[in-house]
Amino acid sequence: MQGLVLEWKRKDKDRAWIAHVAYIDDRYPDPKLIVQWLEAKSLRPVPWIDPNH
């Protein structure tokens, strides 16, 4: 799912990066806004599409 990274920080224990992410979970009839902390290794960038083409 596509989402928006709101904030980055390091985990205390192993110093790995985590991201505070917001996204819409639309797998259900009533979509929900989800905001949660996720490990950076579970994220990937959304492919960029040039809006001028």
PDB file of N, CA and C in Angstrom:
ATOM      1  N   MET A   1       0.835  -1.175   0.000  1.00  0.00           N
ATOM      2  CA  MET A   1       0.000   0.000   0.000  1.00  0.00           C
ATOM      3  C   MET A   1       0.885   1.246   0.000  1.00  0.00           C
ATOM      4  N   GLN A   2       0.413   2.264  -0.649  1.00  0.00           N
ATOM      5  CA  GLN A   2       1.142   3.527  -0.634  1.00  0.00           C
ATOM      6  C   GLN A   2       0.804   4.287   0.641  1.00  0.00           C
ATOM      7  N   GLY A   3       1.789   4.997   1.168  1.00  0.00           N
ATOM      8  CA  GLY A   3       1.580   5.761   2.380  1.00  0.00           C
ATOM      9  C   GLY A   3       2.474   6.982   2.409  1.00  0.00           C
ATOM     10  N   LEU A   4       2.410   7.686   3.506  1.00  0.00           N
ATOM     11  CA  LEU A   4       3.188   8.901   3.703  1.00  0.00           C
ATOM     12  C   LEU A   4       4.024   8.743   4.962  1.00  0.00           C
ATOM     13  N   VAL A   5       5.347   8.943   4.830  1.00  0.00           N
ATOM     14  CA  VAL A   5       6.218   8.906   5.999  1.00  0.00           C
ATOM     15  C   VAL A   5       6.089  10.247   6.725  1.00  0.00           C
ATOM     16  N   LEU A   6       5.697  10.190   7.988  1.00  0.00           N
ATOM     17  CA  LEU A   6       5.494  11.387   8.791  1.00  0.00           C
ATOM     18  C   LEU A   6       6.747  11.761   9.586  1.00  0.00           C
ATOM     19  N   GLU A   7       7.524  10.753   9.961  1.00  0.00           N
ATOM     20  CA  GLU A   7       8.678  10.990  10.824  1.00  0.00           C
ATOM     21  C   GLU A   7       9.607   9.781  10.770  1.00  0.00           C
ATOM     22  N   TRP A   8      10.897  10.033  10.962  1.00  0.00           N
ATOM     23  CA  TRP A   8      11.900   8.970  11.068  1.00  0.00           C
ATOM     24  C   TRP A   8      12.539   9.052  12.445  1.00  0.00           C
ATOM     25  N   LYS A   9      12.921   7.899  12.998  1.00  0.00           N
ATOM     26  CA  LYS A   9      13.727   7.885  14.216  1.00  0.00           C
ATOM     27  C   LYS A   9      14.450   6.545  14.299  1.00  0.00           C
ATOM     28  N   ARG A  10      15.418   6.485  15.205  1.00  0.00           N
ATOM     29  CA  ARG A  10      16.165   5.246  15.409  1.00  0.00           C
ATOM     30  C   ARG A  10      15.568   4.472  16.578  1.00  0.00           C
ATOM     31  N   LYS A  11      15.525   3.144  16.409  1.00  0.00           N
ATOM     32  CA  LYS A  11      15.116   2.297  17.521  1.00  0.00           C
ATOM     33  C   LYS A  11      16.227   2.322  18.565  1.00  0.00           C
ATOM     34  N   ASP A  12      15.861   2.247  19.831  1.00  0.00           N
ATOM     35  CA  ASP A  12      16.859   2.320  20.897  1.00  0.00           C
ATOM     36  C   ASP A  12      17.798   1.122  20.911  1.00  0.00           C
ATOM     37  N   LYS A  13      17.242  -0.062  20.751  1.00  0.00           N
ATOM     38  CA  LYS A  13      18.018  -1.281  20.964  1.00  0.00           C
ATOM     39  C   LYS A  13      19.127  -1.474  19.936  1.00  0.00           C
ATOM     40  N   ASP A  14      18.774  -1.558  18.670  1.00  0.00           N
ATOM     41  CA  ASP A  14      19.785  -1.872  17.650  1.00  0.00           C
ATOM     42  C   ASP A  14      20.095  -0.701  16.723  1.00  0.00           C
ATOM     43  N   ARG A  15      19.523   0.454  16.997  1.00  0.00           N
ATOM     44  CA  ARG A  15      19.787   1.673  16.244  1.00  0.00           C
ATOM     45  C   ARG A  15      19.312   1.601  14.796  1.00  0.00           C
ATOM     46  N   ALA A  16      18.422   0.670  14.479  1.00  0.00           N
ATOM     47  CA  ALA A  16      17.833   0.596  13.135  1.00  0.00           C
ATOM     48  C   ALA A  16      16.799   1.712  12.991  1.00  0.00           C
ATOM     49  N   TRP A  17      16.584   2.156  11.761  1.00  0.00           N
ATOM     50  CA  TRP A  17      15.612   3.217  11.502  1.00  0.00           C
ATOM     51  C   TRP A  17      14.194   2.660  11.497  1.00  0.00           C
ATOM     52  N   ILE A  18      13.250   3.464  12.049  1.00  0.00           N
ATOM     53  CA  ILE A  18      11.826   3.170  11.950  1.00  0.00           C
ATOM     54  C   ILE A  18      11.132   4.432  11.449  1.00  0.00           C
ATOM     55  N   ALA A  19       9.975   4.239  10.817  1.00  0.00           N
ATOM     56  CA  ALA A  19       9.239   5.362  10.233  1.00  0.00           C
ATOM     57  C   ALA A  19       7.817   5.385  10.782  1.00  0.00           C
ATOM     58  N   HIS A  20       7.349   6.575  11.093  1.00  0.00           N
ATOM     59  CA  HIS A  20       5.954   6.782  11.474  1.00  0.00           C
ATOM     60  C   HIS A  20       5.210   7.010  10.161  1.00  0.00           C
ATOM     61  N   VAL A  21       4.315   6.106   9.810  1.00  0.00           N
ATOM     62  CA  VAL A  21       3.703   6.078   8.484  1.00  0.00           C
ATOM     63  C   VAL A  21       2.184   6.152   8.588  1.00  0.00           C
ATOM     64  N   ALA A  22       1.572   6.888   7.658  1.00  0.00           N
ATOM     65  CA  ALA A  22       0.110   6.951   7.542  1.00  0.00           C
ATOM     66  C   ALA A  22      -0.283   6.398   6.181  1.00  0.00           C
ATOM     67  N   TYR A  23      -1.304   5.550   6.160  1.00  0.00           N
ATOM     68  CA  TYR A  23      -1.797   4.997   4.897  1.00  0.00           C
ATOM     69  C   TYR A  23      -3.265   4.613   5.049  1.00  0.00           C
ATOM     70  N   ILE A  24      -3.936   4.476   3.924  1.00  0.00           N
ATOM     71  CA  ILE A  24      -5.336   4.062   3.904  1.00  0.00           C
ATOM     72  C   ILE A  24      -5.396   2.565   3.621  1.00  0.00           C
ATOM     73  N   ASP A  25      -6.019   1.830   4.516  1.00  0.00           N
ATOM     74  CA  ASP A  25      -6.227   0.396   4.315  1.00  0.00           C
ATOM     75  C   ASP A  25      -7.603   0.234   3.684  1.00  0.00           C
ATOM     76  N   ASP A  26      -7.599   0.000   2.372  1.00  0.00           N
ATOM     77  CA  ASP A  26      -8.875  -0.089   1.643  1.00  0.00           C
ATOM     78  C   ASP A  26      -9.236  -1.522   1.268  1.00  0.00           C
ATOM     79  N   ARG A  27      -8.737  -2.481   2.039  1.00  0.00           N
ATOM     80  CA  ARG A  27      -9.070  -3.887   1.774  1.00  0.00           C
ATOM     81  C   ARG A  27     -10.463  -4.254   2.266  1.00  0.00           C
ATOM     82  N   TYR A  28     -11.105  -3.357   2.974  1.00  0.00           N
ATOM     83  CA  TYR A  28     -12.408  -3.629   3.555  1.00  0.00           C
ATOM     84  C   TYR A  28     -13.443  -2.655   2.989  1.00  0.00           C
ATOM     85  N   PRO A  29     -14.729  -2.946   3.132  1.00  0.00           N
ATOM     86  CA  PRO A  29     -15.758  -2.039   2.598  1.00  0.00           C
ATOM     87  C   PRO A  29     -15.672  -0.622   3.179  1.00  0.00           C
ATOM     88  N   ASP A  30     -15.221  -0.492   4.423  1.00  0.00           N
ATOM     89  CA  ASP A  30     -15.098   0.818   5.070  1.00  0.00           C
ATOM     90  C   ASP A  30     -13.603   1.114   5.269  1.00  0.00           C
ATOM     91  N   PRO A  31     -12.944   1.810   4.311  1.00  0.00           N
ATOM     92  CA  PRO A  31     -11.501   2.067   4.422  1.00  0.00           C
ATOM     93  C   PRO A  31     -11.146   2.788   5.723  1.00  0.00           C
ATOM     94  N   LYS A  32      -9.962   2.460   6.246  1.00  0.00           N
ATOM     95  CA  LYS A  32      -9.509   3.028   7.514  1.00  0.00           C
ATOM     96  C   LYS A  32      -8.153   3.699   7.334  1.00  0.00           C
ATOM     97  N   LEU A  33      -7.967   4.818   8.029  1.00  0.00           N
ATOM     98  CA  LEU A  33      -6.667   5.476   8.090  1.00  0.00           C
ATOM     99  C   LEU A  33      -5.849   4.770   9.168  1.00  0.00           C
ATOM    100  N   ILE A  34      -4.687   4.268   8.785  1.00  0.00           N
ATOM    101  CA  ILE A  34      -3.792   3.590   9.711  1.00  0.00           C
ATOM    102  C   ILE A  34      -2.554   4.463   9.886  1.00  0.00           C
ATOM    103  N   VAL A  35      -2.164   4.699  11.128  1.00  0.00           N
ATOM    104  CA  VAL A  35      -0.933   5.425  11.442  1.00  0.00           C
ATOM    105  C   VAL A  35      -0.162   4.553  12.412  1.00  0.00           C
ATOM    106  N   GLN A  36       1.051   4.149  12.003  1.00  0.00           N
ATOM    107  CA  GLN A  36       1.825   3.248  12.854  1.00  0.00           C
ATOM    108  C   GLN A  36       3.309   3.388  12.572  1.00  0.00           C
ATOM    109  N   TRP A  37       4.116   2.867  13.499  1.00  0.00           N
ATOM    110  CA  TRP A  37       5.558   2.822  13.320  1.00  0.00           C
ATOM    111  C   TRP A  37       5.912   1.520  12.617  1.00  0.00           C
ATOM    112  N   LEU A  38       6.727   1.617  11.553  1.00  0.00           N
ATOM    113  CA  LEU A  38       7.171   0.456  10.787  1.00  0.00           C
ATOM    114  C   LEU A  38       8.686   0.493  10.646  1.00  0.00           C
ATOM    115  N   GLU A  39       9.299  -0.671  10.611  1.00  0.00           N
ATOM    116  CA  GLU A  39      10.741  -0.735  10.395  1.00  0.00           C
ATOM    117  C   GLU A  39      11.057  -0.296   8.973  1.00  0.00           C
ATOM    118  N   ALA A  40      12.117   0.455   8.828  1.00  0.00           N
ATOM    119  CA  ALA A  40      12.505   0.977   7.514  1.00  0.00           C
ATOM    120  C   ALA A  40      12.720  -0.136   6.502  1.00  0.00           C
ATOM    121  N   LYS A  41      13.219  -1.278   6.951  1.00  0.00           N
ATOM    122  CA  LYS A  41      13.485  -2.375   6.017  1.00  0.00           C
ATOM    123  C   LYS A  41      12.208  -2.941   5.390  1.00  0.00           C
ATOM    124  N   SER A  42      11.044  -2.620   5.957  1.00  0.00           N
ATOM    125  CA  SER A  42       9.780  -3.102   5.378  1.00  0.00           C
ATOM    126  C   SER A  42       9.170  -2.099   4.392  1.00  0.00           C
ATOM    127  N   LEU A  43       9.837  -0.956   4.192  1.00  0.00           N
ATOM    128  CA  LEU A  43       9.324   0.080   3.300  1.00  0.00           C
ATOM    129  C   LEU A  43      10.105   0.112   2.001  1.00  0.00           C
ATOM    130  N   ARG A  44       9.450   0.608   0.953  1.00  0.00           N
ATOM    131  CA  ARG A  44      10.140   0.843  -0.319  1.00  0.00           C
ATOM    132  C   ARG A  44       9.499   2.061  -0.976  1.00  0.00           C
ATOM    133  N   PRO A  45      10.281   2.799  -1.772  1.00  0.00           N
ATOM    134  CA  PRO A  45       9.721   4.000  -2.396  1.00  0.00           C
ATOM    135  C   PRO A  45       8.660   3.673  -3.440  1.00  0.00           C
ATOM    136  N   VAL A  46       7.722   4.558  -3.589  1.00  0.00           N
ATOM    137  CA  VAL A  46       6.703   4.445  -4.633  1.00  0.00           C
ATOM    138  C   VAL A  46       7.345   4.916  -5.946  1.00  0.00           C
ATOM    139  N   PRO A  47       7.173   4.177  -7.043  1.00  0.00           N
ATOM    140  CA  PRO A  47       7.745   4.623  -8.319  1.00  0.00           C
ATOM    141  C   PRO A  47       7.234   6.026  -8.673  1.00  0.00           C
ATOM    142  N   TRP A  48       8.149   6.858  -9.117  1.00  0.00           N
ATOM    143  CA  TRP A  48       7.807   8.231  -9.478  1.00  0.00           C
ATOM    144  C   TRP A  48       7.301   8.281 -10.916  1.00  0.00           C
ATOM    145  N   ILE A  49       6.204   8.975 -11.153  1.00  0.00           N
ATOM    146  CA  ILE A  49       5.652   9.156 -12.483  1.00  0.00           C
ATOM    147  C   ILE A  49       5.669  10.656 -12.782  1.00  0.00           C
ATOM    148  N   ASP A  50       6.263  11.027 -13.892  1.00  0.00           N
ATOM    149  CA  ASP A  50       6.364  12.435 -14.280  1.00  0.00           C
ATOM    150  C   ASP A  50       4.968  12.955 -14.643  1.00  0.00           C
ATOM    151  N   PRO A  51       4.428  13.917 -13.896  1.00  0.00           N
ATOM    152  CA  PRO A  51       3.078  14.427 -14.175  1.00  0.00           C
ATOM    153  C   PRO A  51       3.015  15.245 -15.473  1.00  0.00           C
ATOM    154  N   ASN A  52       4.160  15.595 -16.058  1.00  0.00           N
ATOM    155  CA  ASN A  52       4.191  16.395 -17.281  1.00  0.00           C
ATOM    156  C   ASN A  52       4.139  15.537 -18.542  1.00  0.00           C
ATOM    157  N   HIS A  53       4.047  14.249 -18.391  1.00  0.00           N
ATOM    158  CA  HIS A  53       4.005  13.374 -19.582  1.00  0.00           C
ATOM    159  C   HIS A  53       2.718  12.612 -19.651  1.00  0.00           C
TER     160      HIS A  53
END
